[in-house]
C-alpha atoms as a PDB file:
ATOM      1  CA  MET A   1     -43.137  -2.896  33.741  1.00  0.00           C
ATOM      2  CA  HIS A   2     -43.217   0.893  33.346  1.00  0.00           C
ATOM      3  CA  VAL A   3     -42.902   1.400  37.105  1.00  0.00           C
ATOM      4  CA  PHE A   4     -40.055  -1.134  37.284  1.00  0.00           C
ATOM      5  CA  LEU A   5     -38.083   0.553  34.503  1.00  0.00           C
ATOM      6  CA  GLN A   6     -38.614   3.997  36.025  1.00  0.00           C
ATOM      7  CA  GLN A   7     -37.444   2.843  39.448  1.00  0.00           C
ATOM      8  CA  LEU A   8     -34.499   1.059  37.855  1.00  0.00           C
ATOM      9  CA  VAL A   9     -33.352   4.213  36.054  1.00  0.00           C
ATOM     10  CA  ASP A  10     -33.846   6.358  39.142  1.00  0.00           C
ATOM     11  CA  GLY A  11     -31.902   3.798  41.167  1.00  0.00           C
ATOM     12  CA  LEU A  12     -29.023   3.881  38.693  1.00  0.00           C
ATOM     13  CA  THR A  13     -28.913   7.678  38.941  1.00  0.00           C
ATOM     14  CA  TRP A  14     -28.709   7.686  42.724  1.00  0.00           C
ATOM     15  CA  GLY A  15     -26.411   4.672  42.549  1.00  0.00           C
ATOM     16  CA  ALA A  16     -23.968   6.702  40.464  1.00  0.00           C
ATOM     17  CA  LEU A  17     -23.881   9.308  43.239  1.00  0.00           C
ATOM     18  CA  TYR A  18     -23.459   6.643  45.911  1.00  0.00           C
ATOM     19  CA  GLY A  19     -20.659   5.194  43.810  1.00  0.00           C
ATOM     20  CA  ALA A  20     -18.909   8.570  43.646  1.00  0.00           C
ATOM     21  CA  PHE A  21     -19.125   8.976  47.418  1.00  0.00           C
ATOM     22  CA  ALA A  22     -17.965   5.378  47.882  1.00  0.00           C
ATOM     23  CA  LEU A  23     -15.048   6.060  45.549  1.00  0.00           C
ATOM     24  CA  SER A  24     -13.899   8.909  47.783  1.00  0.00           C
ATOM     25  CA  ILE A  25     -14.118   6.572  50.797  1.00  0.00           C
ATOM     26  CA  VAL A  26     -12.096   3.902  48.971  1.00  0.00           C
ATOM     27  CA  LEU A  27      -9.369   6.343  47.907  1.00  0.00           C
ATOM     28  CA  VAL A  28      -8.819   7.392  51.519  1.00  0.00           C
ATOM     29  CA  TYR A  29      -8.878   3.778  52.704  1.00  0.00           C
ATOM     30  CA  ARG A  30      -6.284   2.775  50.110  1.00  0.00           C
ATOM     31  CA  ALA A  31      -4.086   5.728  51.046  1.00  0.00           C
ATOM     32  CA  SER A  32      -4.254   5.502  54.840  1.00  0.00           C
ATOM     33  CA  GLY A  33      -5.927   2.231  55.748  1.00  0.00           C
ATOM     34  CA  ILE A  34      -8.794   3.917  57.601  1.00  0.00           C
ATOM     35  CA  VAL A  35     -12.408   4.801  56.885  1.00  0.00           C
ATOM     36  CA  ASN A  36     -12.849   8.580  56.923  1.00  0.00           C
ATOM     37  CA  PHE A  37     -16.143   9.143  58.717  1.00  0.00           C
ATOM     38  CA  ALA A  38     -15.858  12.866  57.951  1.00  0.00           C
ATOM     39  CA  GLN A  39     -16.015  12.251  54.187  1.00  0.00           C
ATOM     40  CA  GLY A  40     -19.654  13.292  53.961  1.00  0.00           C
ATOM     41  CA  GLU A  41     -19.203  16.447  56.019  1.00  0.00           C
ATOM     42  CA  MET A  42     -16.178  17.456  53.944  1.00  0.00           C
ATOM     43  CA  ALA A  43     -18.284  17.036  50.804  1.00  0.00           C
ATOM     44  CA  MET A  44     -21.176  18.970  52.343  1.00  0.00           C
ATOM     45  CA  PHE A  45     -18.841  21.782  53.409  1.00  0.00           C
ATOM     46  CA  ALA A  46     -17.454  21.999  49.871  1.00  0.00           C
ATOM     47  CA  ALA A  47     -20.985  22.126  48.430  1.00  0.00           C
ATOM     48  CA  PHE A  48     -21.636  25.166  50.607  1.00  0.00           C
ATOM     49  CA  PHE A  49     -18.543  26.751  49.083  1.00  0.00           C
ATOM     50  CA  ALA A  50     -19.928  26.046  45.605  1.00  0.00           C
ATOM     51  CA  TRP A  51     -23.213  27.696  46.608  1.00  0.00           C
ATOM     52  CA  GLN A  52     -21.339  30.673  48.077  1.00  0.00           C
ATOM     53  CA  PHE A  53     -19.156  31.159  45.000  1.00  0.00           C
ATOM     54  CA  HIS A  54     -22.311  31.082  42.855  1.00  0.00           C
ATOM     55  CA  GLN A  55     -23.952  33.654  45.130  1.00  0.00           C
ATOM     56  CA  TRP A  56     -20.932  35.896  44.612  1.00  0.00           C
ATOM     57  CA  GLY A  57     -21.532  35.802  40.852  1.00  0.00           C
ATOM     58  CA  ALA A  58     -19.460  32.890  39.594  1.00  0.00           C
ATOM     59  CA  PRO A  59     -21.071  30.686  36.925  1.00  0.00           C
ATOM     60  CA  LEU A  60     -22.318  27.443  38.442  1.00  0.00           C
ATOM     61  CA  TYR A  61     -19.769  25.182  36.762  1.00  0.00           C
ATOM     62  CA  VAL A  62     -16.942  27.527  37.776  1.00  0.00           C
ATOM     63  CA  ALA A  63     -18.326  27.600  41.326  1.00  0.00           C
ATOM     64  CA  ILE A  64     -18.325  23.796  41.487  1.00  0.00           C
ATOM     65  CA  LEU A  65     -14.765  23.614  40.160  1.00  0.00           C
ATOM     66  CA  GLY A  66     -13.730  26.212  42.731  1.00  0.00           C
ATOM     67  CA  ALA A  67     -15.365  24.151  45.483  1.00  0.00           C
ATOM     68  CA  MET A  68     -13.521  21.056  44.252  1.00  0.00           C
ATOM     69  CA  ALA A  69     -10.241  22.976  44.496  1.00  0.00           C
ATOM     70  CA  VAL A  70     -11.103  24.057  48.049  1.00  0.00           C
ATOM     71  CA  ALA A  71     -12.017  20.467  48.918  1.00  0.00           C
ATOM     72  CA  PHE A  72      -8.725  19.198  47.474  1.00  0.00           C
ATOM     73  CA  LEU A  73      -6.815  21.564  49.749  1.00  0.00           C
ATOM     74  CA  MET A  74      -9.032  20.598  52.692  1.00  0.00           C
ATOM     75  CA  GLY A  75      -8.338  16.910  52.139  1.00  0.00           C
ATOM     76  CA  ALA A  76      -4.603  17.415  51.700  1.00  0.00           C
ATOM     77  CA  VAL A  77      -4.341  19.568  54.842  1.00  0.00           C
ATOM     78  CA  THR A  78      -6.398  17.053  56.813  1.00  0.00           C
ATOM     79  CA  GLU A  79      -4.008  14.261  55.877  1.00  0.00           C
ATOM     80  CA  ARG A  80      -0.916  16.350  56.638  1.00  0.00           C
ATOM     81  CA  VAL A  81      -2.038  17.923  59.915  1.00  0.00           C
ATOM     82  CA  LEU A  82      -4.435  15.433  61.504  1.00  0.00           C
ATOM     83  CA  ILE A  83      -3.722  11.994  60.039  1.00  0.00           C
ATOM     84  CA  ARG A  84       0.005  11.764  59.309  1.00  0.00           C
ATOM     85  CA  PRO A  85       1.258  12.410  62.882  1.00  0.00           C
ATOM     86  CA  LEU A  86      -0.532   9.211  63.988  1.00  0.00           C
ATOM     87  CA  ALA A  87      -0.181   7.244  60.762  1.00  0.00           C
ATOM     88  CA  GLY A  88       2.598   5.009  62.085  1.00  0.00           C
ATOM     89  CA  SER A  89       0.563   3.756  65.010  1.00  0.00           C
ATOM     90  CA  PRO A  90      -0.495   0.075  64.791  1.00  0.00           C
ATOM     91  CA  ASN A  91      -3.819   1.035  66.393  1.00  0.00           C
ATOM     92  CA  HIS A  92      -6.136   2.860  63.999  1.00  0.00           C
ATOM     93  CA  MET A  93      -8.684   3.767  66.658  1.00  0.00           C
ATOM     94  CA  PRO A  94      -7.192   7.264  67.327  1.00  0.00           C
ATOM     95  CA  LEU A  95      -7.409   8.026  63.596  1.00  0.00           C
ATOM     96  CA  VAL A  96     -11.043   6.900  63.484  1.00  0.00           C
ATOM     97  CA  ILE A  97     -11.818   9.121  66.479  1.00  0.00           C
ATOM     98  CA  ILE A  98     -10.112  12.057  64.738  1.00  0.00           C
ATOM     99  CA  THR A  99     -12.295  11.630  61.649  1.00  0.00           C
ATOM    100  CA  LEU A 100     -15.414  11.422  63.841  1.00  0.00           C
ATOM    101  CA  GLY A 101     -14.353  14.626  65.610  1.00  0.00           C
ATOM    102  CA  LEU A 102     -13.713  16.314  62.269  1.00  0.00           C
ATOM    103  CA  MET A 103     -17.200  15.282  61.139  1.00  0.00           C
ATOM    104  CA  LEU A 104     -18.760  17.005  64.142  1.00  0.00           C
ATOM    105  CA  VAL A 105     -16.610  20.120  63.726  1.00  0.00           C
ATOM    106  CA  LEU A 106     -17.450  20.546  60.035  1.00  0.00           C
ATOM    107  CA  ASN A 107     -21.153  19.936  60.624  1.00  0.00           C
ATOM    108  CA  SER A 108     -21.266  22.553  63.373  1.00  0.00           C
ATOM    109  CA  ALA A 109     -19.091  24.986  61.404  1.00  0.00           C
ATOM    110  CA  ALA A 110     -21.404  24.800  58.378  1.00  0.00           C
ATOM    111  CA  GLY A 111     -24.407  25.587  60.558  1.00  0.00           C
ATOM    112  CA  TRP A 112     -22.529  28.417  62.261  1.00  0.00           C
ATOM    113  CA  ILE A 113     -21.362  30.019  58.988  1.00  0.00           C
ATOM    114  CA  TRP A 114     -24.339  29.446  56.690  1.00  0.00           C
ATOM    115  CA  GLY A 115     -27.151  28.559  59.082  1.00  0.00           C
ATOM    116  CA  VAL A 116     -29.112  25.350  59.484  1.00  0.00           C
ATOM    117  CA  GLN A 117     -32.021  26.215  57.218  1.00  0.00           C
ATOM    118  CA  SER A 118     -32.299  24.466  53.854  1.00  0.00           C
ATOM    119  CA  ARG A 119     -31.088  26.419  50.830  1.00  0.00           C
ATOM    120  CA  GLU A 120     -31.986  25.867  47.211  1.00  0.00           C
ATOM    121  CA  PHE A 121     -29.015  24.786  45.113  1.00  0.00           C
ATOM    122  CA  PRO A 122     -29.336  25.449  41.364  1.00  0.00           C
ATOM    123  CA  SER A 123     -29.410  22.520  38.969  1.00  0.00           C
ATOM    124  CA  THR A 124     -26.470  22.144  36.634  1.00  0.00           C
ATOM    125  CA  MET A 125     -28.872  21.615  33.734  1.00  0.00           C
ATOM    126  CA  SER A 126     -32.500  22.679  33.721  1.00  0.00           C
ATOM    127  CA  GLY A 127     -35.262  22.036  31.228  1.00  0.00           C
ATOM    128  CA  PRO A 128     -37.980  19.474  30.563  1.00  0.00           C
ATOM    129  CA  VAL A 129     -37.382  15.834  31.336  1.00  0.00           C
ATOM    130  CA  VAL A 130     -35.978  13.570  28.644  1.00  0.00           C
ATOM    131  CA  THR A 131     -38.266  10.691  27.687  1.00  0.00           C
ATOM    132  CA  LEU A 132     -36.595   7.397  26.825  1.00  0.00           C
ATOM    133  CA  GLY A 133     -39.407   5.142  25.762  1.00  0.00           C
ATOM    134  CA  ALA A 134     -41.635   4.799  28.805  1.00  0.00           C
ATOM    135  CA  VAL A 135     -39.010   6.203  31.189  1.00  0.00           C
ATOM    136  CA  ALA A 136     -38.619   9.877  32.097  1.00  0.00           C
ATOM    137  CA  VAL A 137     -35.157  11.105  33.055  1.00  0.00           C
ATOM    138  CA  SER A 138     -34.352  14.583  34.323  1.00  0.00           C
ATOM    139  CA  ARG A 139     -31.504  16.479  32.707  1.00  0.00           C
ATOM    140  CA  GLN A 140     -29.839  16.750  36.111  1.00  0.00           C
ATOM    141  CA  SER A 141     -29.803  12.948  36.309  1.00  0.00           C
ATOM    142  CA  LEU A 142     -28.077  12.759  32.937  1.00  0.00           C
ATOM    143  CA  VAL A 143     -25.465  15.222  34.169  1.00  0.00           C
ATOM    144  CA  ILE A 144     -24.913  13.145  37.308  1.00  0.00           C
ATOM    145  CA  VAL A 145     -24.368   9.908  35.393  1.00  0.00           C
ATOM    146  CA  GLY A 146     -22.180  11.637  32.805  1.00  0.00           C
ATOM    147  CA  ALA A 147     -20.043  13.315  35.466  1.00  0.00           C
ATOM    148  CA  VAL A 148     -19.479  10.052  37.335  1.00  0.00           C
ATOM    149  CA  VAL A 149     -18.493   8.292  34.101  1.00  0.00           C
ATOM    150  CA  VAL A 150     -16.016  11.068  33.277  1.00  0.00           C
ATOM    151  CA  VAL A 151     -14.533  10.991  36.791  1.00  0.00           C
ATOM    152  CA  ALA A 152     -14.135   7.213  36.622  1.00  0.00           C
ATOM    153  CA  ALA A 153     -12.428   7.446  33.228  1.00  0.00           C
ATOM    154  CA  LEU A 154     -10.064  10.200  34.403  1.00  0.00           C
ATOM    155  CA  LEU A 155      -9.132   8.230  37.521  1.00  0.00           C
ATOM    156  CA  PHE A 156      -8.457   5.152  35.404  1.00  0.00           C
ATOM    157  CA  LEU A 157      -6.139   7.163  33.168  1.00  0.00           C
ATOM    158  CA  LEU A 158      -4.473   8.733  36.207  1.00  0.00           C
ATOM    159  CA  PHE A 159      -3.729   5.453  37.955  1.00  0.00           C
ATOM    160  CA  GLN A 160      -2.877   3.413  34.860  1.00  0.00           C
ATOM    161  CA  ARG A 161      -1.198   5.864  32.486  1.00  0.00           C
ATOM    162  CA  THR A 162       0.601   8.555  34.512  1.00  0.00           C
ATOM    163  CA  ARG A 163       3.699   8.496  36.699  1.00  0.00           C
ATOM    164  CA  VAL A 164       1.894  10.320  39.486  1.00  0.00           C
ATOM    165  CA  GLY A 165      -0.891   7.753  39.515  1.00  0.00           C
ATOM    166  CA  LEU A 166       1.555   4.844  39.532  1.00  0.00           C
ATOM    167  CA  ALA A 167       3.470   6.507  42.360  1.00  0.00           C
ATOM    168  CA  MET A 168       0.221   6.915  44.316  1.00  0.00           C
ATOM    169  CA  ARG A 169      -0.566   3.231  43.871  1.00  0.00           C
ATOM    170  CA  ALA A 170       2.932   2.261  44.998  1.00  0.00           C
ATOM    171  CA  ALA A 171       2.757   4.556  48.035  1.00  0.00           C
ATOM    172  CA  ALA A 172      -0.603   3.145  49.058  1.00  0.00           C
ATOM    173  CA  GLY A 173       0.284  -0.496  48.374  1.00  0.00           C
ATOM    174  CA  ASN A 174       3.744  -0.687  49.947  1.00  0.00           C
ATOM    175  CA  PRO A 175       4.962   2.602  51.433  1.00  0.00           C
ATOM    176  CA  ASP A 176       8.279   1.170  52.712  1.00  0.00           C
ATOM    177  CA  SER A 177       9.318  -0.124  49.290  1.00  0.00           C
ATOM    178  CA  ALA A 178       8.087   3.082  47.658  1.00  0.00           C
ATOM    179  CA  GLU A 179      10.295   5.117  49.989  1.00  0.00           C
ATOM    180  CA  LEU A 180      13.313   3.027  48.984  1.00  0.00           C
ATOM    181  CA  LEU A 181      12.522   3.749  45.331  1.00  0.00           C
ATOM    182  CA  GLY A 182      12.558   7.495  45.999  1.00  0.00           C
ATOM    183  CA  ILE A 183       8.794   8.040  45.821  1.00  0.00           C
ATOM    184  CA  PRO A 184       7.624  10.869  48.114  1.00  0.00           C
ATOM    185  CA  VAL A 185       5.087   8.756  49.976  1.00  0.00           C
ATOM    186  CA  GLY A 186       3.784  11.589  52.159  1.00  0.00           C
ATOM    187  CA  ARG A 187       3.086  13.775  49.144  1.00  0.00           C
ATOM    188  CA  MET A 188       1.323  10.942  47.328  1.00  0.00           C
ATOM    189  CA  LEU A 189      -0.917  10.254  50.320  1.00  0.00           C
ATOM    190  CA  MET A 190      -1.776  13.962  50.511  1.00  0.00           C
ATOM    191  CA  ILE A 191      -2.787  13.878  46.857  1.00  0.00           C
ATOM    192  CA  GLY A 192      -4.940  10.785  47.518  1.00  0.00           C
ATOM    193  CA  TRP A 193      -6.815  12.531  50.325  1.00  0.00           C
ATOM    194  CA  GLY A 194      -7.182  15.642  48.183  1.00  0.00           C
ATOM    195  CA  LEU A 195      -8.594  13.679  45.239  1.00  0.00           C
ATOM    196  CA  ALA A 196     -11.061  11.909  47.514  1.00  0.00           C
ATOM    197  CA  ALA A 197     -12.275  15.222  48.922  1.00  0.00           C
ATOM    198  CA  ALA A 198     -12.582  16.764  45.434  1.00  0.00           C
ATOM    199  CA  ILE A 199     -14.662  13.824  44.170  1.00  0.00           C
ATOM    200  CA  GLY A 200     -16.877  14.106  47.233  1.00  0.00           C
ATOM    201  CA  ALA A 201     -17.325  17.829  46.575  1.00  0.00           C
ATOM    202  CA  LEU A 202     -18.450  17.141  43.005  1.00  0.00           C
ATOM    203  CA  ALA A 203     -20.900  14.457  44.126  1.00  0.00           C
ATOM    204  CA  ALA A 204     -22.331  16.704  46.862  1.00  0.00           C
ATOM    205  CA  SER A 205     -22.770  19.606  44.447  1.00  0.00           C
ATOM    206  CA  LEU A 206     -24.622  17.356  42.002  1.00  0.00           C
ATOM    207  CA  ALA A 207     -26.817  15.892  44.759  1.00  0.00           C
ATOM    208  CA  ALA A 208     -27.614  19.253  46.404  1.00  0.00           C
ATOM    209  CA  PRO A 209     -30.400  20.274  43.960  1.00  0.00           C
ATOM    210  CA  GLN A 210     -32.398  17.162  44.949  1.00  0.00           C
ATOM    211  CA  LEU A 211     -31.466  17.100  48.632  1.00  0.00           C
ATOM    212  CA  PHE A 212     -31.461  20.866  49.305  1.00  0.00           C
ATOM    213  CA  LEU A 213     -28.351  22.351  50.847  1.00  0.00           C
ATOM    214  CA  GLN A 214     -28.135  22.075  54.635  1.00  0.00           C
ATOM    215  CA  PRO A 215     -25.574  20.668  57.106  1.00  0.00           C
ATOM    216  CA  ASN A 216     -27.190  17.223  57.450  1.00  0.00           C
ATOM    217  CA  MET A 217     -28.074  16.672  53.808  1.00  0.00           C
ATOM    218  CA  LEU A 218     -25.629  13.789  53.207  1.00  0.00           C
ATOM    219  CA  VAL A 219     -26.274  11.677  56.305  1.00  0.00           C
ATOM    220  CA  ALA A 220     -28.484   9.160  54.501  1.00  0.00           C
ATOM    221  CA  SER A 221     -26.405   9.243  51.306  1.00  0.00           C
ATOM    222  CA  LEU A 222     -23.213   8.387  53.214  1.00  0.00           C
ATOM    223  CA  ILE A 223     -24.888   5.346  54.746  1.00  0.00           C
ATOM    224  CA  TYR A 224     -25.602   4.117  51.226  1.00  0.00           C
ATOM    225  CA  ALA A 225     -22.056   5.069  50.180  1.00  0.00           C
ATOM    226  CA  PHE A 226     -20.535   3.040  53.015  1.00  0.00           C
ATOM    227  CA  ALA A 227     -22.743   0.119  51.988  1.00  0.00           C
ATOM    228  CA  ALA A 228     -21.520   0.518  48.405  1.00  0.00           C
ATOM    229  CA  ALA A 229     -17.875   0.640  49.490  1.00  0.00           C
ATOM    230  CA  VAL A 230     -18.263  -2.455  51.680  1.00  0.00           C
ATOM    231  CA  LEU A 231     -20.194  -4.311  48.972  1.00  0.00           C
ATOM    232  CA  GLY A 232     -17.665  -3.542  46.249  1.00  0.00           C
ATOM    233  CA  GLY A 233     -14.590  -3.871  48.475  1.00  0.00           C
ATOM    234  CA  LEU A 234     -12.945  -1.118  50.506  1.00  0.00           C
ATOM    235  CA  ASP A 235      -9.746  -1.394  48.453  1.00  0.00           C
ATOM    236  CA  SER A 236     -11.406  -1.471  45.016  1.00  0.00           C
ATOM    237  CA  PRO A 237     -12.307   1.728  43.105  1.00  0.00           C
ATOM    238  CA  ILE A 238     -14.167  -0.317  40.496  1.00  0.00           C
ATOM    239  CA  GLY A 239     -16.006  -2.099  43.280  1.00  0.00           C
ATOM    240  CA  ALA A 240     -17.063   1.246  44.760  1.00  0.00           C
ATOM    241  CA  LEU A 241     -18.771   2.263  41.522  1.00  0.00           C
ATOM    242  CA  VAL A 242     -20.388  -1.123  40.938  1.00  0.00           C
ATOM    243  CA  GLY A 243     -21.436  -1.302  44.583  1.00  0.00           C
ATOM    244  CA  GLY A 244     -22.993   2.155  44.340  1.00  0.00           C
ATOM    245  CA  LEU A 245     -25.114   1.127  41.362  1.00  0.00           C
ATOM    246  CA  CYS A 246     -26.198  -2.073  43.123  1.00  0.00           C
ATOM    247  CA  VAL A 247     -27.138  -0.230  46.308  1.00  0.00           C
ATOM    248  CA  GLY A 248     -29.021   2.480  44.403  1.00  0.00           C
ATOM    249  CA  VAL A 249     -31.093  -0.024  42.464  1.00  0.00           C
ATOM    250  CA  ALA A 250     -31.668  -2.283  45.493  1.00  0.00           C
ATOM    251  CA  GLU A 251     -32.917   0.459  47.821  1.00  0.00           C
ATOM    252  CA  ASN A 252     -35.137   1.976  45.130  1.00  0.00           C
ATOM    253  CA  LEU A 253     -36.771  -1.320  44.152  1.00  0.00           C
ATOM    254  CA  ALA A 254     -37.137  -2.401  47.778  1.00  0.00           C
ATOM    255  CA  GLY A 255     -38.813   0.887  48.684  1.00  0.00           C
ATOM    256  CA  THR A 256     -41.238   0.474  45.785  1.00  0.00           C
ATOM    257  CA  TYR A 257     -42.128  -3.212  45.894  1.00  0.00           C
ATOM    258  CA  ILE A 258     -41.741  -4.168  49.568  1.00  0.00           C
ATOM    259  CA  GLU A 259     -44.705  -2.504  51.207  1.00  0.00           C
ATOM    260  CA  TRP A 260     -43.475  -2.456  54.817  1.00  0.00           C
ATOM    261  CA  ILE A 261     -40.206  -0.772  53.789  1.00  0.00           C
ATOM    262  CA  GLY A 262     -41.631   2.084  51.724  1.00  0.00           C
ATOM    263  CA  HIS A 263     -39.782   5.378  51.349  1.00  0.00           C
ATOM    264  CA  ASP A 264     -39.119   6.034  55.031  1.00  0.00           C
ATOM    265  CA  PHE A 265     -37.357   2.761  55.845  1.00  0.00           C
ATOM    266  CA  LYS A 266     -35.119   2.411  52.784  1.00  0.00           C
ATOM    267  CA  GLN A 267     -31.935   2.958  54.816  1.00  0.00           C
ATOM    268  CA  ALA A 268     -32.502  -0.475  56.310  1.00  0.00           C
ATOM    269  CA  VAL A 269     -31.613  -1.915  52.893  1.00  0.00           C
ATOM    270  CA  ALA A 270     -28.119  -0.416  53.148  1.00  0.00           C
ATOM    271  CA  LEU A 271     -27.651  -1.745  56.675  1.00  0.00           C
ATOM    272  CA  VAL A 272     -28.772  -5.233  55.627  1.00  0.00           C
ATOM    273  CA  LEU A 273     -26.302  -5.158  52.718  1.00  0.00           C
ATOM    274  CA  ILE A 274     -23.461  -4.098  55.012  1.00  0.00           C
ATOM    275  CA  LEU A 275     -24.279  -6.841  57.509  1.00  0.00           C
ATOM    276  CA  GLY A 276     -24.628  -9.481  54.818  1.00  0.00           C
ATOM    277  CA  VAL A 277     -21.320  -8.630  53.144  1.00  0.00           C
ATOM    278  CA  LEU A 278     -19.429  -8.510  56.438  1.00  0.00           C
ATOM    279  CA  LEU A 279     -20.816 -11.906  57.414  1.00  0.00           C
ATOM    280  CA  PHE A 280     -20.424 -13.811  54.145  1.00  0.00           C
ATOM    281  CA  ARG A 281     -17.784 -11.967  52.062  1.00  0.00           C
ATOM    282  CA  PRO A 282     -15.882  -9.415  54.187  1.00  0.00           C
ATOM    283  CA  GLU A 283     -13.550  -8.422  51.347  1.00  0.00           C
ATOM    284  CA  GLY A 284     -16.485  -7.395  49.127  1.00  0.00           C
ATOM    285  CA  LEU A 285     -17.226  -8.333  45.543  1.00  0.00           C
ATOM    286  CA  PHE A 286     -14.012  -6.897  44.077  1.00  0.00           C
ATOM    287  CA  GLY A 287     -11.801  -6.541  47.155  1.00  0.00           C
ATOM    288  CA  ALA A 288      -8.520  -8.428  47.476  1.00  0.00           C
ATOM    289  CA  ARG A 289      -8.712 -11.484  49.712  1.00  0.00           C
ATOM    290  CA  LYS A 290      -6.158 -11.230  52.512  1.00  0.00           C
ATOM    291  CA  VAL A 291      -4.420 -14.252  53.993  1.00  0.00           C
ATOM    292  CA  ALA A 292      -3.038 -13.937  57.513  1.00  0.00           C
ATOM    293  CA  ARG A 293      -0.580 -16.340  59.102  1.00  0.00           C
ATOM    294  CA  VAL A 294      -1.585 -17.366  62.619  1.00  0.00           C
END
């Protein structure tokens, strides 16, 4: 039972991170109707900025906030320069190819600027582990879970209680009607991409102490994040968070209790979840069911 509880808590911690990454994927999908395959590289690039700001003498929390601001601008510029010129096309394949190209560019640029060797990223909170009964939890894990909860609460308030958030929802849900109502749809979509990039930057900065900072550090995490987004529903922010927790717990327990999976084959759990959801419930657990007339 002790091992089960420990793996459960560790899975929830990583699941919170997967949920944050999945949330950034969902925000872009709701805004533009595409999956941004460069989401992980944008987050990784922003984490390098956080590390660089800290190296220049900024306190760690200030460095992370600065990296989130840089990521927000990066996301907004990406939407305005690369995505919007092709946004009216009925075929989304060119947009998908653009995001794949951006992924490769950012990965190579990070290696060119900062090198490909792993760098140690400082923890946001150090100190001895916190013991909760028979379960040990690191202080960094508590920060991760707390940060994700705060982000989720702030996004809920933004989308449900502010005019900007309501305008973003209208622009994403029905851009033509939003235009007729005087909502600046282009600006709202830019903000959506910027928010997604900022959330990804925060998640990458919180994951970097465990993963070590290097250009490919988020490859595995983004596979789990895509699984979480698909499981929860690509158009559901709540589903992204719930899906992240489910994926985190599932891959941790599978790696512990299924001998032939172990630690090295845990990514197969994410792929099985993606395949299963696409086959039996394509809209995900919380996604809206779409009806098409044929």
